[in-house]
């Protein structure tokens, strides 16, 4: 919330997305968060119904006997629950609402259609998956990343996942038709990646891993190449 407030004061020509999830029981929490981000100055609210890390850890807590509620990728597969959240938020806020959906479960296109039926203004395709990578053969059972002591699944994305990201957007576009707005993300680094995402059906293209790996310095070349292609 503080970041949104600061950005609105300092930057005039950016459209600011919120991005939030809510892990407690009840729709009211989602509505409350959406209202707070609107008040803070977000131009668009984005519901995070995709995070596989949150989903996986919540399910682990449930397995261990702790009380838990569906969130992240677990919630992102439940179209009826998402529809109820969307309708409640749309009734209490005025800014556009985007829903970032998980591909886990293989029903992203069906859930996307349900989101639009409930009043969502845009749906975001997210290709990141729970995966295993770089197993510790030198220390079996130990994790390769600092966030986990034991070997386990975690969110994997970046360039390798682009074919799956293109497939997700392509399937959603085929399902929802030509009019609803789709935001495509997943493995986009070069201007060609951006063009391919649009050819698959995206109206907007998102970046994440590329900015972490390369910093923002790759954008000038991206925009030059993209403009040349469009011309």
Protein backbone atom coordinates (compact mmCIF):
# COMPACT_ATOMS: atom_id res chain seq x y z
CA UNK A 1 0.00 0.00 0.00
CA UNK A 2 2.83 2.39 0.86
CA UNK A 3 4.55 1.62 -2.46
CA UNK A 4 1.39 2.44 -4.41
CA UNK A 5 0.95 5.69 -2.49
CA UNK A 6 4.56 6.73 -3.09
CA UNK A 7 4.43 5.84 -6.78
CA UNK A 8 1.30 7.90 -7.39
CA UNK A 9 3.04 10.93 -5.88
CA UNK A 10 6.25 10.51 -7.89
CA UNK A 11 5.18 9.05 -11.26
CA UNK A 12 2.54 10.63 -13.48
CA UNK A 13 2.66 8.47 -16.62
CA UNK A 14 2.52 4.94 -15.15
CA UNK A 15 -0.56 2.77 -14.72
CA UNK A 16 -0.16 1.10 -11.34
CA UNK A 17 -1.36 -2.43 -10.65
CA UNK A 18 -1.93 -3.70 -7.17
CA UNK A 19 -1.21 -7.40 -6.73
CA UNK A 20 -2.46 -9.14 -3.64
CA UNK A 21 -3.77 -12.37 -2.24
CA UNK A 22 -5.68 -13.09 0.93
CA UNK A 23 -5.35 -16.31 2.88
CA UNK A 24 -7.91 -16.06 5.67
CA UNK A 25 -11.50 -17.24 5.62
CA UNK A 26 -14.18 -15.10 4.05
CA UNK A 27 -14.68 -12.88 1.03
CA UNK A 28 -14.60 -9.78 3.20
CA UNK A 29 -10.82 -9.90 3.43
CA UNK A 30 -10.45 -9.77 -0.34
CA UNK A 31 -12.89 -6.88 -0.57
CA UNK A 32 -11.11 -4.99 2.20
CA UNK A 33 -7.74 -5.37 0.47
CA UNK A 34 -9.17 -4.24 -2.88
CA UNK A 35 -10.68 -1.13 -1.29
CA UNK A 36 -7.43 -0.28 0.46
CA UNK A 37 -5.43 -0.50 -2.76
CA UNK A 38 -7.98 1.63 -4.58
CA UNK A 39 -7.75 4.24 -1.83
CA UNK A 40 -3.94 4.09 -1.99
CA UNK A 41 -4.05 5.04 -5.67
CA UNK A 42 -3.90 1.82 -7.70
CA UNK A 43 -5.34 2.22 -11.18
CA UNK A 44 -6.08 -1.51 -11.48
CA UNK A 45 -6.52 -4.19 -8.82
CA UNK A 46 -5.03 -7.60 -9.58
CA UNK A 47 -6.03 -10.68 -7.60
CA UNK A 48 -3.23 -13.20 -7.18
CA UNK A 49 -4.91 -16.55 -7.76
CA UNK A 50 -1.75 -18.15 -9.09
CA UNK A 51 1.05 -18.40 -6.50
CA UNK A 52 2.06 -22.09 -6.30
CA UNK A 53 4.38 -21.48 -3.33
CA UNK A 54 1.54 -20.18 -1.17
CA UNK A 55 -0.77 -22.93 -2.32
CA UNK A 56 1.77 -25.69 -1.69
CA UNK A 57 2.70 -24.41 1.76
CA UNK A 58 -0.93 -24.00 2.77
CA UNK A 59 -1.68 -27.56 1.68
CA UNK A 60 1.33 -28.78 3.68
CA UNK A 61 0.01 -26.99 6.75
CA UNK A 62 -3.34 -28.69 6.25
CA UNK A 63 -1.66 -32.08 5.99
CA UNK A 64 0.07 -31.42 9.31
CA UNK A 65 -3.24 -30.73 11.02
CA UNK A 66 -3.17 -26.93 10.99
CA UNK A 67 -6.32 -25.06 10.00
CA UNK A 68 -5.90 -23.58 6.53
CA UNK A 69 -7.85 -21.85 3.80
CA UNK A 70 -7.44 -22.13 0.06
CA UNK A 71 -5.22 -19.46 -1.45
CA UNK A 72 -2.81 -18.98 -4.32
CA UNK A 73 -2.93 -21.73 -6.94
CA UNK A 74 -5.33 -23.83 -4.87
CA UNK A 75 -7.96 -21.10 -4.93
CA UNK A 76 -7.17 -20.26 -8.55
CA UNK A 77 -8.67 -23.57 -9.66
CA UNK A 78 -12.04 -22.98 -7.95
CA UNK A 79 -14.11 -20.91 -10.37
CA UNK A 80 -17.20 -20.64 -8.15
CA UNK A 81 -15.19 -19.26 -5.24
CA UNK A 82 -13.36 -16.85 -7.54
CA UNK A 83 -16.64 -15.65 -9.03
CA UNK A 84 -18.00 -14.82 -5.58
CA UNK A 85 -14.86 -12.83 -4.76
CA UNK A 86 -14.99 -10.96 -8.09
CA UNK A 87 -18.65 -10.00 -7.71
CA UNK A 88 -18.10 -8.76 -4.16
CA UNK A 89 -15.07 -6.65 -5.12
CA UNK A 90 -16.76 -5.18 -8.20
CA UNK A 91 -19.70 -4.14 -6.03
CA UNK A 92 -17.42 -2.25 -3.61
CA UNK A 93 -14.78 -0.72 -5.93
CA UNK A 94 -14.70 1.38 -9.09
CA UNK A 95 -11.30 0.64 -10.66
CA UNK A 96 -10.82 -2.23 -13.16
CA UNK A 97 -10.24 -5.73 -11.80
CA UNK A 98 -7.74 -8.23 -13.20
CA UNK A 99 -7.48 -11.85 -12.04
CA UNK A 100 -4.12 -13.62 -12.31
CA UNK A 101 -4.88 -17.32 -12.77
CA UNK A 102 -2.86 -20.44 -12.14
CA UNK A 103 -2.31 -23.03 -14.88
CA UNK A 104 -2.15 -25.75 -12.21
CA UNK A 105 -5.01 -28.18 -12.70
CA UNK A 106 -5.20 -27.61 -16.46
CA UNK A 107 -8.45 -25.63 -16.37
CA UNK A 108 -7.13 -22.09 -16.79
CA UNK A 109 -9.28 -21.38 -19.84
CA UNK A 110 -12.46 -22.55 -18.12
CA UNK A 111 -11.72 -20.52 -15.00
CA UNK A 112 -10.91 -17.48 -17.17
CA UNK A 113 -14.31 -17.67 -18.81
CA UNK A 114 -15.96 -17.89 -15.37
CA UNK A 115 -14.03 -14.78 -14.29
CA UNK A 116 -15.39 -12.74 -17.18
CA UNK A 117 -18.89 -14.02 -16.52
CA UNK A 118 -18.58 -12.70 -12.96
CA UNK A 119 -17.50 -9.24 -14.14
CA UNK A 120 -13.69 -9.30 -14.26
CA UNK A 121 -12.24 -6.69 -16.60
CA UNK A 122 -9.13 -8.69 -17.48
CA UNK A 123 -7.54 -12.07 -16.84
CA UNK A 124 -3.80 -12.68 -16.61
CA UNK A 125 -2.24 -15.91 -17.81
CA UNK A 126 0.61 -17.13 -15.62
CA UNK A 127 2.75 -20.04 -16.78
CA UNK A 128 4.73 -20.60 -13.57
CA UNK A 129 4.48 -24.12 -12.21
CA UNK A 130 5.42 -26.05 -9.12
CA UNK A 131 8.52 -27.96 -10.13
CA UNK A 132 11.66 -29.69 -8.97
CA UNK A 133 15.05 -28.51 -10.17
CA UNK A 134 18.74 -29.02 -9.38
CA UNK A 135 18.41 -31.95 -7.00
CA UNK A 136 21.20 -32.18 -4.42
CA UNK A 137 22.93 -35.42 -5.36
CA UNK A 138 25.80 -34.51 -3.02
CA UNK A 139 23.44 -34.08 -0.05
CA UNK A 140 20.29 -36.12 -0.70
CA UNK A 141 17.18 -34.59 0.80
CA UNK A 142 18.65 -31.10 1.19
CA UNK A 143 17.23 -28.18 -0.73
CA UNK A 144 19.11 -26.27 -3.40
CA UNK A 145 17.57 -22.96 -2.33
CA UNK A 146 17.89 -21.03 0.90
CA UNK A 147 14.15 -20.72 1.48
CA UNK A 148 13.73 -24.43 2.23
CA UNK A 149 15.77 -26.81 4.37
CA UNK A 150 14.40 -29.96 2.76
CA UNK A 151 14.07 -30.82 -0.91
CA UNK A 152 10.65 -29.82 -2.14
CA UNK A 153 8.70 -28.22 -4.93
CA UNK A 154 8.76 -24.51 -5.59
CA UNK A 155 7.64 -22.01 -8.20
CA UNK A 156 9.59 -22.23 -11.44
CA UNK A 157 9.36 -19.72 -14.29
CA UNK A 158 11.61 -17.70 -16.64
CA UNK A 159 12.43 -18.35 -20.30
CA UNK A 160 12.05 -22.15 -20.35
CA UNK A 161 8.34 -21.82 -19.62
CA UNK A 162 7.47 -19.60 -22.61
CA UNK A 163 5.93 -22.40 -24.74
CA UNK A 164 3.58 -23.25 -21.88
CA UNK A 165 2.77 -19.57 -21.37
CA UNK A 166 1.90 -19.20 -25.04
CA UNK A 167 -0.29 -22.28 -24.83
CA UNK A 168 -2.12 -20.91 -21.77
CA UNK A 169 -2.93 -17.59 -23.46
CA UNK A 170 -3.85 -19.33 -26.72
CA UNK A 171 -6.30 -21.65 -24.97
CA UNK A 172 -7.85 -18.83 -22.97
CA UNK A 173 -8.34 -16.72 -26.09
CA UNK A 174 -10.00 -19.62 -27.89
CA UNK A 175 -12.31 -20.12 -24.92
CA UNK A 176 -13.33 -16.54 -24.11
CA UNK A 177 -13.51 -15.15 -27.64
CA UNK A 178 -11.93 -12.06 -29.20
CA UNK A 179 -13.23 -9.29 -26.94
CA UNK A 180 -12.18 -9.89 -23.30
CA UNK A 181 -8.81 -8.44 -22.29
CA UNK A 182 -5.99 -10.93 -21.65
CA UNK A 183 -2.60 -10.20 -20.09
CA UNK A 184 0.05 -12.74 -21.09
CA UNK A 185 3.14 -13.43 -18.97
CA UNK A 186 5.74 -16.16 -18.81
CA UNK A 187 9.22 -16.24 -20.30
CA UNK A 188 9.00 -12.93 -22.15
CA UNK A 189 12.50 -11.45 -22.60
CA UNK A 190 12.98 -10.36 -26.23
CA UNK A 191 10.74 -8.34 -28.53
CA UNK A 192 10.04 -11.56 -30.42
CA UNK A 193 8.69 -13.10 -27.22
CA UNK A 194 6.34 -10.15 -26.82
CA UNK A 195 5.14 -10.42 -30.40
CA UNK A 196 4.56 -14.16 -30.04
CA UNK A 197 2.54 -13.58 -26.86
CA UNK A 198 0.32 -11.12 -28.71
CA UNK A 199 -0.02 -13.51 -31.65
CA UNK A 200 -1.18 -16.15 -29.17
CA UNK A 201 -3.95 -13.81 -28.05
CA UNK A 202 -2.63 -11.40 -25.42
CA UNK A 203 -3.71 -7.75 -25.40
CA UNK A 204 -1.03 -6.83 -22.85
CA UNK A 205 2.33 -8.47 -22.13
CA UNK A 206 3.93 -8.81 -18.71
CA UNK A 207 7.55 -9.18 -17.59
CA UNK A 208 8.93 -10.52 -14.33
CA UNK A 209 11.93 -12.86 -14.35
CA UNK A 210 13.70 -10.92 -17.11
CA UNK A 211 13.81 -7.79 -14.98
CA UNK A 212 15.25 -9.77 -12.08
CA UNK A 213 17.89 -11.52 -14.22
CA UNK A 214 18.92 -8.60 -16.47
CA UNK A 215 17.66 -5.49 -14.69
CA UNK A 216 15.59 -2.96 -16.59
CA UNK A 217 18.39 -2.22 -19.06
CA UNK A 218 17.01 -4.68 -21.64
CA UNK A 219 13.88 -2.59 -22.21
CA UNK A 220 15.33 0.01 -24.69
CA UNK A 221 16.39 -2.74 -27.09
CA UNK A 222 13.07 -4.52 -26.54
CA UNK A 223 11.09 -1.42 -27.48
CA UNK A 224 13.30 -0.65 -30.50
CA UNK A 225 12.91 -4.15 -31.88
CA UNK A 226 9.19 -4.21 -31.21
CA UNK A 227 8.61 -0.85 -32.93
CA UNK A 228 10.62 -1.93 -35.97
CA UNK A 229 8.59 -5.14 -36.25
CA UNK A 230 5.27 -3.29 -35.97
CA UNK A 231 6.33 -0.78 -38.64
